[in-house]
Amino acid sequence: MQQPESERTITRERYNAVLFDLDGVITDTANLHAACWKQMFDEYLKKHSAQSGEAFRPFDLDMDYRLYVDGKTRSDGVRDFLNSRGIQVPEGSPEDPPQAETLSGLGNRKNDLVNKIIEDIGVKPYEGSVRFIQHLRLHEFKIAVVTSSQNCKAVLRAAGLDTFFEVQVDGNTIDAKRLAGKPAPDTYLMAAKLLGVEPVRAIVIEDAISGVRAGSNGNFGLVIGVARKGNAEELRHHGAHLVVNDLGELIN
């Protein structure tokens, strides 16, 4: 159920902090990640098909990415997608080389592809997101970035936004603190704790199903979905109180 407009107004009287997802919310990197997931999975699936005799069915950039991978840690994304195809591989360890056919190895293989693209072509932030972040800083909101990506620092640095956030909770934090990834609320709760803010006084902004579910599961004061994929109703269904197409719409 949508909140009344008066309860969705972003003011300092109502909220103290805003917690942002990274890819697809702040930076135009969600499509980059999706393309790298597809390249890695399709290469693996072709090899699996040749070995098993099963028909090759490529990774679907729309459905498979949204349902099984988007917003999750690399290992969770690999596990959930392969499970959807009835394929199981060993867990492995975070230090596995990208050639290893383990959850960690396949995730690291995808990560190498992402890092190469970031190095070669850079990262572009969404203009509306930058304006909204500057608006929040002007009004003295506390802000954090919360992402499953282990590339967070490199992405923010490439986008020129590395000094904008008081707190960063990323894939490295998840590993170090042994946090459950999205759709569990743990990463967002950790960010709120580090900012010294109660969840009810914080806003979560996400573009992924797993992310809006995390915000809803954490009982945050407001969960905003960013429907860059034309999936507004889907985001509302999974817990977004308010959905926008661009964060520039939130500047009064």
C-alpha atoms as a PDB file:
ATOM      1  CA  MET A   1       0.000   0.000   0.000  1.00  0.00           C
ATOM      2  CA  GLN A   2       1.396   3.406  -0.983  1.00  0.00           C
ATOM      3  CA  GLN A   3       1.976   5.992   1.708  1.00  0.00           C
ATOM      4  CA  PRO A   4       0.095   9.303   1.492  1.00  0.00           C
ATOM      5  CA  GLU A   5       2.032  12.110  -0.208  1.00  0.00           C
ATOM      6  CA  SER A   6       2.553  13.908   3.116  1.00  0.00           C
ATOM      7  CA  GLU A   7       4.355  10.852   4.500  1.00  0.00           C
ATOM      8  CA  ARG A   8       6.574  10.547   1.440  1.00  0.00           C
ATOM      9  CA  THR A   9       7.990  14.075   1.601  1.00  0.00           C
ATOM     10  CA  ILE A  10      11.751  14.013   2.185  1.00  0.00           C
ATOM     11  CA  THR A  11      12.371  16.544   4.950  1.00  0.00           C
ATOM     12  CA  ARG A  12      14.850  16.799   7.825  1.00  0.00           C
ATOM     13  CA  GLU A  13      11.914  16.867  10.243  1.00  0.00           C
ATOM     14  CA  ARG A  14      11.012  13.344   9.152  1.00  0.00           C
ATOM     15  CA  TYR A  15      14.336  11.767   8.097  1.00  0.00           C
ATOM     16  CA  ASN A  16      18.019  12.073   9.043  1.00  0.00           C
ATOM     17  CA  ALA A  17      19.728   9.884   6.471  1.00  0.00           C
ATOM     18  CA  VAL A  18      19.499   8.542   2.934  1.00  0.00           C
ATOM     19  CA  LEU A  19      21.050   5.200   2.016  1.00  0.00           C
ATOM     20  CA  PHE A  20      21.766   4.669  -1.681  1.00  0.00           C
ATOM     21  CA  ASP A  21      22.376   1.556  -3.701  1.00  0.00           C
ATOM     22  CA  LEU A  22      25.177   2.149  -6.223  1.00  0.00           C
ATOM     23  CA  ASP A  23      24.753   0.430  -9.589  1.00  0.00           C
ATOM     24  CA  GLY A  24      21.683   1.688 -11.432  1.00  0.00           C
ATOM     25  CA  VAL A  25      20.882   4.263  -8.729  1.00  0.00           C
ATOM     26  CA  ILE A  26      23.945   6.526  -8.536  1.00  0.00           C
ATOM     27  CA  THR A  27      25.967   5.320 -11.508  1.00  0.00           C
ATOM     28  CA  ASP A  28      25.044   3.990 -14.914  1.00  0.00           C
ATOM     29  CA  THR A  29      26.766   0.675 -14.191  1.00  0.00           C
ATOM     30  CA  ALA A  30      23.856  -1.745 -13.785  1.00  0.00           C
ATOM     31  CA  ASN A  31      23.847  -2.447 -17.535  1.00  0.00           C
ATOM     32  CA  LEU A  32      27.622  -2.878 -17.423  1.00  0.00           C
ATOM     33  CA  HIS A  33      27.275  -5.482 -14.656  1.00  0.00           C
ATOM     34  CA  ALA A  34      24.428  -7.238 -16.461  1.00  0.00           C
ATOM     35  CA  ALA A  35      26.466  -7.480 -19.674  1.00  0.00           C
ATOM     36  CA  CYS A  36      29.448  -8.906 -17.773  1.00  0.00           C
ATOM     37  CA  TRP A  37      27.235 -11.436 -16.006  1.00  0.00           C
ATOM     38  CA  LYS A  38      25.858 -12.505 -19.392  1.00  0.00           C
ATOM     39  CA  GLN A  39      29.294 -12.890 -20.932  1.00  0.00           C
ATOM     40  CA  MET A  40      30.572 -14.955 -18.005  1.00  0.00           C
ATOM     41  CA  PHE A  41      27.466 -17.139 -17.675  1.00  0.00           C
ATOM     42  CA  ASP A  42      27.066 -17.758 -21.412  1.00  0.00           C
ATOM     43  CA  GLU A  43      30.691 -18.912 -21.667  1.00  0.00           C
ATOM     44  CA  TYR A  44      30.169 -21.223 -18.689  1.00  0.00           C
ATOM     45  CA  LEU A  45      26.782 -22.508 -19.935  1.00  0.00           C
ATOM     46  CA  LYS A  46      28.208 -23.340 -23.378  1.00  0.00           C
ATOM     47  CA  LYS A  47      30.948 -25.394 -21.731  1.00  0.00           C
ATOM     48  CA  HIS A  48      28.428 -27.069 -19.413  1.00  0.00           C
ATOM     49  CA  SER A  49      26.193 -27.849 -22.398  1.00  0.00           C
ATOM     50  CA  ALA A  50      29.043 -29.490 -24.296  1.00  0.00           C
ATOM     51  CA  GLN A  51      29.954 -31.609 -21.269  1.00  0.00           C
ATOM     52  CA  SER A  52      26.424 -32.576 -20.186  1.00  0.00           C
ATOM     53  CA  GLY A  53      24.691 -32.879 -23.550  1.00  0.00           C
ATOM     54  CA  GLU A  54      21.979 -30.479 -22.376  1.00  0.00           C
ATOM     55  CA  ALA A  55      20.772 -27.785 -24.778  1.00  0.00           C
ATOM     56  CA  PHE A  56      22.496 -24.429 -24.413  1.00  0.00           C
ATOM     57  CA  ARG A  57      20.107 -21.779 -23.108  1.00  0.00           C
ATOM     58  CA  PRO A  58      21.765 -18.357 -22.769  1.00  0.00           C
ATOM     59  CA  PHE A  59      21.536 -16.054 -19.773  1.00  0.00           C
ATOM     60  CA  ASP A  60      18.565 -13.706 -20.247  1.00  0.00           C
ATOM     61  CA  LEU A  61      19.625 -10.092 -19.674  1.00  0.00           C
ATOM     62  CA  ASP A  62      16.141  -9.104 -18.532  1.00  0.00           C
ATOM     63  CA  MET A  63      14.532 -11.925 -16.581  1.00  0.00           C
ATOM     64  CA  ASP A  64      17.570 -13.851 -15.302  1.00  0.00           C
ATOM     65  CA  TYR A  65      19.428 -10.718 -14.247  1.00  0.00           C
ATOM     66  CA  ARG A  66      16.447  -9.172 -12.429  1.00  0.00           C
ATOM     67  CA  LEU A  67      15.286 -12.350 -10.700  1.00  0.00           C
ATOM     68  CA  TYR A  68      18.514 -14.054  -9.713  1.00  0.00           C
ATOM     69  CA  VAL A  69      21.464 -11.659  -9.790  1.00  0.00           C
ATOM     70  CA  ASP A  70      20.618  -7.953  -9.501  1.00  0.00           C
ATOM     71  CA  GLY A  71      21.620  -6.403  -6.165  1.00  0.00           C
ATOM     72  CA  LYS A  72      23.028  -9.624  -4.675  1.00  0.00           C
ATOM     73  CA  THR A  73      26.557 -10.541  -3.689  1.00  0.00           C
ATOM     74  CA  ARG A  74      28.524 -12.223  -6.457  1.00  0.00           C
ATOM     75  CA  SER A  75      28.403 -15.665  -4.835  1.00  0.00           C
ATOM     76  CA  ASP A  76      24.678 -15.399  -4.113  1.00  0.00           C
ATOM     77  CA  GLY A  77      24.035 -14.275  -7.689  1.00  0.00           C
ATOM     78  CA  VAL A  78      26.005 -17.174  -9.154  1.00  0.00           C
ATOM     79  CA  ARG A  79      24.344 -19.663  -6.796  1.00  0.00           C
ATOM     80  CA  ASP A  80      20.782 -18.456  -7.374  1.00  0.00           C
ATOM     81  CA  PHE A  81      21.105 -18.328 -11.158  1.00  0.00           C
ATOM     82  CA  LEU A  82      22.766 -21.741 -11.463  1.00  0.00           C
ATOM     83  CA  ASN A  83      20.184 -23.237  -9.099  1.00  0.00           C
ATOM     84  CA  SER A  84      17.481 -21.894 -11.432  1.00  0.00           C
ATOM     85  CA  ARG A  85      19.086 -24.049 -14.157  1.00  0.00           C
ATOM     86  CA  GLY A  86      19.503 -27.070 -11.901  1.00  0.00           C
ATOM     87  CA  ILE A  87      23.296 -26.680 -11.826  1.00  0.00           C
ATOM     88  CA  GLN A  88      25.357 -26.959  -8.668  1.00  0.00           C
ATOM     89  CA  VAL A  89      29.042 -26.107  -8.286  1.00  0.00           C
ATOM     90  CA  PRO A  90      31.275 -26.051  -5.181  1.00  0.00           C
ATOM     91  CA  GLU A  91      31.291 -22.929  -3.037  1.00  0.00           C
ATOM     92  CA  GLY A  92      35.024 -22.411  -3.283  1.00  0.00           C
ATOM     93  CA  SER A  93      36.713 -19.516  -1.452  1.00  0.00           C
ATOM     94  CA  PRO A  94      36.986 -15.771  -2.189  1.00  0.00           C
ATOM     95  CA  GLU A  95      40.616 -16.281  -3.275  1.00  0.00           C
ATOM     96  CA  ASP A  96      39.684 -18.737  -6.049  1.00  0.00           C
ATOM     97  CA  PRO A  97      41.185 -17.808  -9.439  1.00  0.00           C
ATOM     98  CA  PRO A  98      38.711 -16.768 -12.145  1.00  0.00           C
ATOM     99  CA  GLN A  99      39.375 -20.045 -13.970  1.00  0.00           C
ATOM    100  CA  ALA A 100      37.945 -22.086 -11.066  1.00  0.00           C
ATOM    101  CA  GLU A 101      34.464 -23.499 -11.630  1.00  0.00           C
ATOM    102  CA  THR A 102      33.253 -22.631  -8.143  1.00  0.00           C
ATOM    103  CA  LEU A 103      30.769 -19.998  -6.988  1.00  0.00           C
ATOM    104  CA  SER A 104      33.647 -17.724  -6.005  1.00  0.00           C
ATOM    105  CA  GLY A 105      35.687 -18.470  -9.109  1.00  0.00           C
ATOM    106  CA  LEU A 106      32.829 -17.690 -11.482  1.00  0.00           C
ATOM    107  CA  GLY A 107      32.051 -14.536  -9.513  1.00  0.00           C
ATOM    108  CA  ASN A 108      35.697 -13.462  -9.713  1.00  0.00           C
ATOM    109  CA  ARG A 109      35.665 -14.148 -13.456  1.00  0.00           C
ATOM    110  CA  LYS A 110      32.765 -11.719 -13.830  1.00  0.00           C
ATOM    111  CA  ASN A 111      34.516  -9.190 -11.583  1.00  0.00           C
ATOM    112  CA  ASP A 112      37.597  -9.187 -13.795  1.00  0.00           C
ATOM    113  CA  LEU A 113      35.387  -8.297 -16.767  1.00  0.00           C
ATOM    114  CA  VAL A 114      33.840  -5.375 -14.833  1.00  0.00           C
ATOM    115  CA  ASN A 115      37.182  -4.015 -13.675  1.00  0.00           C
ATOM    116  CA  LYS A 116      38.541  -4.091 -17.229  1.00  0.00           C
ATOM    117  CA  ILE A 117      35.586  -2.049 -18.533  1.00  0.00           C
ATOM    118  CA  ILE A 118      35.809   0.474 -15.672  1.00  0.00           C
ATOM    119  CA  GLU A 119      39.522   0.889 -16.414  1.00  0.00           C
ATOM    120  CA  ASP A 120      38.982   1.208 -20.175  1.00  0.00           C
ATOM    121  CA  ILE A 121      35.906   3.432 -20.457  1.00  0.00           C
ATOM    122  CA  GLY A 122      35.236   4.843 -16.970  1.00  0.00           C
ATOM    123  CA  VAL A 123      31.929   5.315 -15.153  1.00  0.00           C
ATOM    124  CA  LYS A 124      29.127   7.801 -15.737  1.00  0.00           C
ATOM    125  CA  PRO A 125      26.934   8.948 -12.828  1.00  0.00           C
ATOM    126  CA  TYR A 126      23.289   9.803 -13.429  1.00  0.00           C
ATOM    127  CA  GLU A 127      22.932  13.582 -13.565  1.00  0.00           C
ATOM    128  CA  GLY A 128      19.694  13.541 -11.566  1.00  0.00           C
ATOM    129  CA  SER A 129      21.327  11.405  -8.868  1.00  0.00           C
ATOM    130  CA  VAL A 130      24.277  13.792  -8.534  1.00  0.00           C
ATOM    131  CA  ARG A 131      21.918  16.772  -8.206  1.00  0.00           C
ATOM    132  CA  PHE A 132      19.857  14.932  -5.590  1.00  0.00           C
ATOM    133  CA  ILE A 133      22.959  13.991  -3.567  1.00  0.00           C
ATOM    134  CA  GLN A 134      24.127  17.615  -3.668  1.00  0.00           C
ATOM    135  CA  HIS A 135      20.618  18.673  -2.535  1.00  0.00           C
ATOM    136  CA  LEU A 136      20.809  16.270   0.422  1.00  0.00           C
ATOM    137  CA  ARG A 137      24.251  17.505   1.438  1.00  0.00           C
ATOM    138  CA  LEU A 138      23.019  21.103   1.291  1.00  0.00           C
ATOM    139  CA  HIS A 139      20.214  20.178   3.701  1.00  0.00           C
ATOM    140  CA  GLU A 140      22.623  18.296   6.003  1.00  0.00           C
ATOM    141  CA  PHE A 141      21.290  14.772   5.532  1.00  0.00           C
ATOM    142  CA  LYS A 142      23.659  11.963   6.402  1.00  0.00           C
ATOM    143  CA  ILE A 143      24.276   9.816   3.336  1.00  0.00           C
ATOM    144  CA  ALA A 144      25.702   6.360   2.723  1.00  0.00           C
ATOM    145  CA  VAL A 145      26.172   4.012  -0.197  1.00  0.00           C
ATOM    146  CA  VAL A 146      25.142   0.383   0.326  1.00  0.00           C
ATOM    147  CA  THR A 147      26.070  -2.087  -2.384  1.00  0.00           C
ATOM    148  CA  SER A 148      26.856  -5.760  -2.829  1.00  0.00           C
ATOM    149  CA  SER A 149      29.607  -4.770  -5.260  1.00  0.00           C
ATOM    150  CA  GLN A 150      33.244  -5.109  -4.273  1.00  0.00           C
ATOM    151  CA  ASN A 151      34.056  -2.464  -6.884  1.00  0.00           C
ATOM    152  CA  CYS A 152      32.403   0.339  -4.899  1.00  0.00           C
ATOM    153  CA  LYS A 153      35.495   2.473  -4.233  1.00  0.00           C
ATOM    154  CA  ALA A 154      36.743   2.136  -7.816  1.00  0.00           C
ATOM    155  CA  VAL A 155      33.324   3.006  -9.258  1.00  0.00           C
ATOM    156  CA  LEU A 156      32.830   6.063  -7.024  1.00  0.00           C
ATOM    157  CA  ARG A 157      36.372   7.250  -7.730  1.00  0.00           C
ATOM    158  CA  ALA A 158      35.882   6.821 -11.496  1.00  0.00           C
ATOM    159  CA  ALA A 159      32.592   8.754 -11.241  1.00  0.00           C
ATOM    160  CA  GLY A 160      34.180  11.556  -9.191  1.00  0.00           C
ATOM    161  CA  LEU A 161      31.921  10.853  -6.199  1.00  0.00           C
ATOM    162  CA  ASP A 162      34.338   9.192  -3.790  1.00  0.00           C
ATOM    163  CA  THR A 163      34.169  12.041  -1.217  1.00  0.00           C
ATOM    164  CA  PHE A 164      30.383  12.369  -1.155  1.00  0.00           C
ATOM    165  CA  PHE A 165      29.459   9.595   1.290  1.00  0.00           C
ATOM    166  CA  GLU A 166      30.052   9.417   5.019  1.00  0.00           C
ATOM    167  CA  VAL A 167      29.684   5.631   5.059  1.00  0.00           C
ATOM    168  CA  GLN A 168      30.266   2.917   2.468  1.00  0.00           C
ATOM    169  CA  VAL A 169      28.974  -0.601   3.058  1.00  0.00           C
ATOM    170  CA  ASP A 170      30.048  -2.789   0.143  1.00  0.00           C
ATOM    171  CA  GLY A 171      30.855  -6.366  -0.791  1.00  0.00           C
ATOM    172  CA  ASN A 172      34.118  -6.194   1.129  1.00  0.00           C
ATOM    173  CA  THR A 173      32.212  -5.122   4.262  1.00  0.00           C
ATOM    174  CA  ILE A 174      29.782  -7.992   3.734  1.00  0.00           C
ATOM    175  CA  ASP A 175      32.667 -10.474   3.664  1.00  0.00           C
ATOM    176  CA  ALA A 176      34.546  -8.927   6.605  1.00  0.00           C
ATOM    177  CA  LYS A 177      31.477  -8.602   8.846  1.00  0.00           C
ATOM    178  CA  ARG A 178      29.825 -11.807   7.567  1.00  0.00           C
ATOM    179  CA  LEU A 179      26.636  -9.941   6.754  1.00  0.00           C
ATOM    180  CA  ALA A 180      23.746 -11.510   4.899  1.00  0.00           C
ATOM    181  CA  GLY A 181      23.319  -9.953   1.466  1.00  0.00           C
ATOM    182  CA  LYS A 182      20.153  -8.392   0.045  1.00  0.00           C
ATOM    183  CA  PRO A 183      17.207  -9.123   0.304  1.00  0.00           C
ATOM    184  CA  ALA A 184      18.219  -9.457   3.967  1.00  0.00           C
ATOM    185  CA  PRO A 185      18.303  -5.972   5.539  1.00  0.00           C
ATOM    186  CA  ASP A 186      21.687  -6.453   7.219  1.00  0.00           C
ATOM    187  CA  THR A 187      23.742  -4.192   4.937  1.00  0.00           C
ATOM    188  CA  TYR A 188      21.314  -1.301   5.230  1.00  0.00           C
ATOM    189  CA  LEU A 189      20.997  -1.799   8.991  1.00  0.00           C
ATOM    190  CA  MET A 190      24.794  -1.705   9.243  1.00  0.00           C
ATOM    191  CA  ALA A 191      24.923   1.577   7.302  1.00  0.00           C
ATOM    192  CA  ALA A 192      22.232   3.122   9.516  1.00  0.00           C
ATOM    193  CA  LYS A 193      24.128   1.997  12.623  1.00  0.00           C
ATOM    194  CA  LEU A 194      27.404   3.479  11.343  1.00  0.00           C
ATOM    195  CA  LEU A 195      25.608   6.764  10.647  1.00  0.00           C
ATOM    196  CA  GLY A 196      24.010   6.707  14.111  1.00  0.00           C
ATOM    197  CA  VAL A 197      20.468   6.760  12.695  1.00  0.00           C
ATOM    198  CA  GLU A 198      17.422   4.632  13.525  1.00  0.00           C
ATOM    199  CA  PRO A 199      16.005   2.776  10.487  1.00  0.00           C
ATOM    200  CA  VAL A 200      12.658   4.562  10.809  1.00  0.00           C
ATOM    201  CA  ARG A 201      14.513   7.870  10.311  1.00  0.00           C
ATOM    202  CA  ALA A 202      16.340   6.643   7.196  1.00  0.00           C
ATOM    203  CA  ILE A 203      15.436   6.353   3.510  1.00  0.00           C
ATOM    204  CA  VAL A 204      16.547   3.454   1.291  1.00  0.00           C
ATOM    205  CA  ILE A 205      16.878   4.067  -2.469  1.00  0.00           C
ATOM    206  CA  GLU A 206      17.111   1.010  -4.732  1.00  0.00           C
ATOM    207  CA  ASP A 207      16.551  -0.131  -8.306  1.00  0.00           C
ATOM    208  CA  ALA A 208      16.687  -3.882  -7.638  1.00  0.00           C
ATOM    209  CA  ILE A 209      13.970  -6.225  -6.381  1.00  0.00           C
ATOM    210  CA  SER A 210      16.370  -7.639  -3.786  1.00  0.00           C
ATOM    211  CA  GLY A 211      17.183  -4.100  -2.631  1.00  0.00           C
ATOM    212  CA  VAL A 212      13.649  -2.830  -2.116  1.00  0.00           C
ATOM    213  CA  ARG A 213      12.916  -6.070  -0.281  1.00  0.00           C
ATOM    214  CA  ALA A 214      15.927  -5.376   1.959  1.00  0.00           C
ATOM    215  CA  GLY A 215      14.615  -1.894   2.748  1.00  0.00           C
ATOM    216  CA  SER A 216      11.153  -3.266   3.470  1.00  0.00           C
ATOM    217  CA  ASN A 217      12.528  -6.126   5.591  1.00  0.00           C
ATOM    218  CA  GLY A 218      14.537  -3.613   7.641  1.00  0.00           C
ATOM    219  CA  ASN A 219      11.440  -1.489   8.381  1.00  0.00           C
ATOM    220  CA  PHE A 220      13.066   1.660   7.055  1.00  0.00           C
ATOM    221  CA  GLY A 221      11.064   4.856   7.131  1.00  0.00           C
ATOM    222  CA  LEU A 222      10.826   5.158   3.354  1.00  0.00           C
ATOM    223  CA  VAL A 223      11.845   2.817   0.541  1.00  0.00           C
ATOM    224  CA  ILE A 224      12.184   4.477  -2.864  1.00  0.00           C
ATOM    225  CA  GLY A 225      12.405   2.426  -6.040  1.00  0.00           C
ATOM    226  CA  VAL A 226      14.121   3.766  -9.161  1.00  0.00           C
ATOM    227  CA  ALA A 227      12.370   2.250 -12.188  1.00  0.00           C
ATOM    228  CA  ARG A 228      15.072   2.549 -14.813  1.00  0.00           C
ATOM    229  CA  LYS A 229      13.855  -0.701 -16.377  1.00  0.00           C
ATOM    230  CA  GLY A 230      10.199   0.375 -16.602  1.00  0.00           C
ATOM    231  CA  ASN A 231       9.391  -1.930 -13.684  1.00  0.00           C
ATOM    232  CA  ALA A 232       7.604   0.467 -11.327  1.00  0.00           C
ATOM    233  CA  GLU A 233       4.796  -1.919 -10.375  1.00  0.00           C
ATOM    234  CA  GLU A 234       7.266  -4.731  -9.726  1.00  0.00           C
ATOM    235  CA  LEU A 235       9.256  -2.522  -7.346  1.00  0.00           C
ATOM    236  CA  ARG A 236       6.075  -1.461  -5.535  1.00  0.00           C
ATOM    237  CA  HIS A 237       5.007  -5.100  -5.237  1.00  0.00           C
ATOM    238  CA  HIS A 238       8.283  -5.988  -3.527  1.00  0.00           C
ATOM    239  CA  GLY A 239       8.239  -3.170  -0.983  1.00  0.00           C
ATOM    240  CA  ALA A 240       8.889   0.266  -2.508  1.00  0.00           C
ATOM    241  CA  HIS A 241       6.671   2.953  -0.955  1.00  0.00           C
ATOM    242  CA  LEU A 242       7.449   5.405  -3.731  1.00  0.00           C
ATOM    243  CA  VAL A 243       8.799   4.860  -7.262  1.00  0.00           C
ATOM    244  CA  VAL A 244      10.501   7.420  -9.519  1.00  0.00           C
ATOM    245  CA  ASN A 245      12.169   7.192 -12.908  1.00  0.00           C
ATOM    246  CA  ASP A 246      15.020   9.495 -11.929  1.00  0.00           C
ATOM    247  CA  LEU A 247      16.206  10.875  -8.568  1.00  0.00           C
ATOM    248  CA  GLY A 248      16.036  14.420  -9.926  1.00  0.00           C
ATOM    249  CA  GLU A 249      12.262  14.099  -9.462  1.00  0.00           C
ATOM    250  CA  LEU A 250      12.790  14.151  -5.680  1.00  0.00           C
ATOM    251  CA  ILE A 251      14.239  17.664  -5.557  1.00  0.00           C
ATOM    252  CA  ASN A 252      11.602  20.119  -4.396  1.00  0.00           C
END
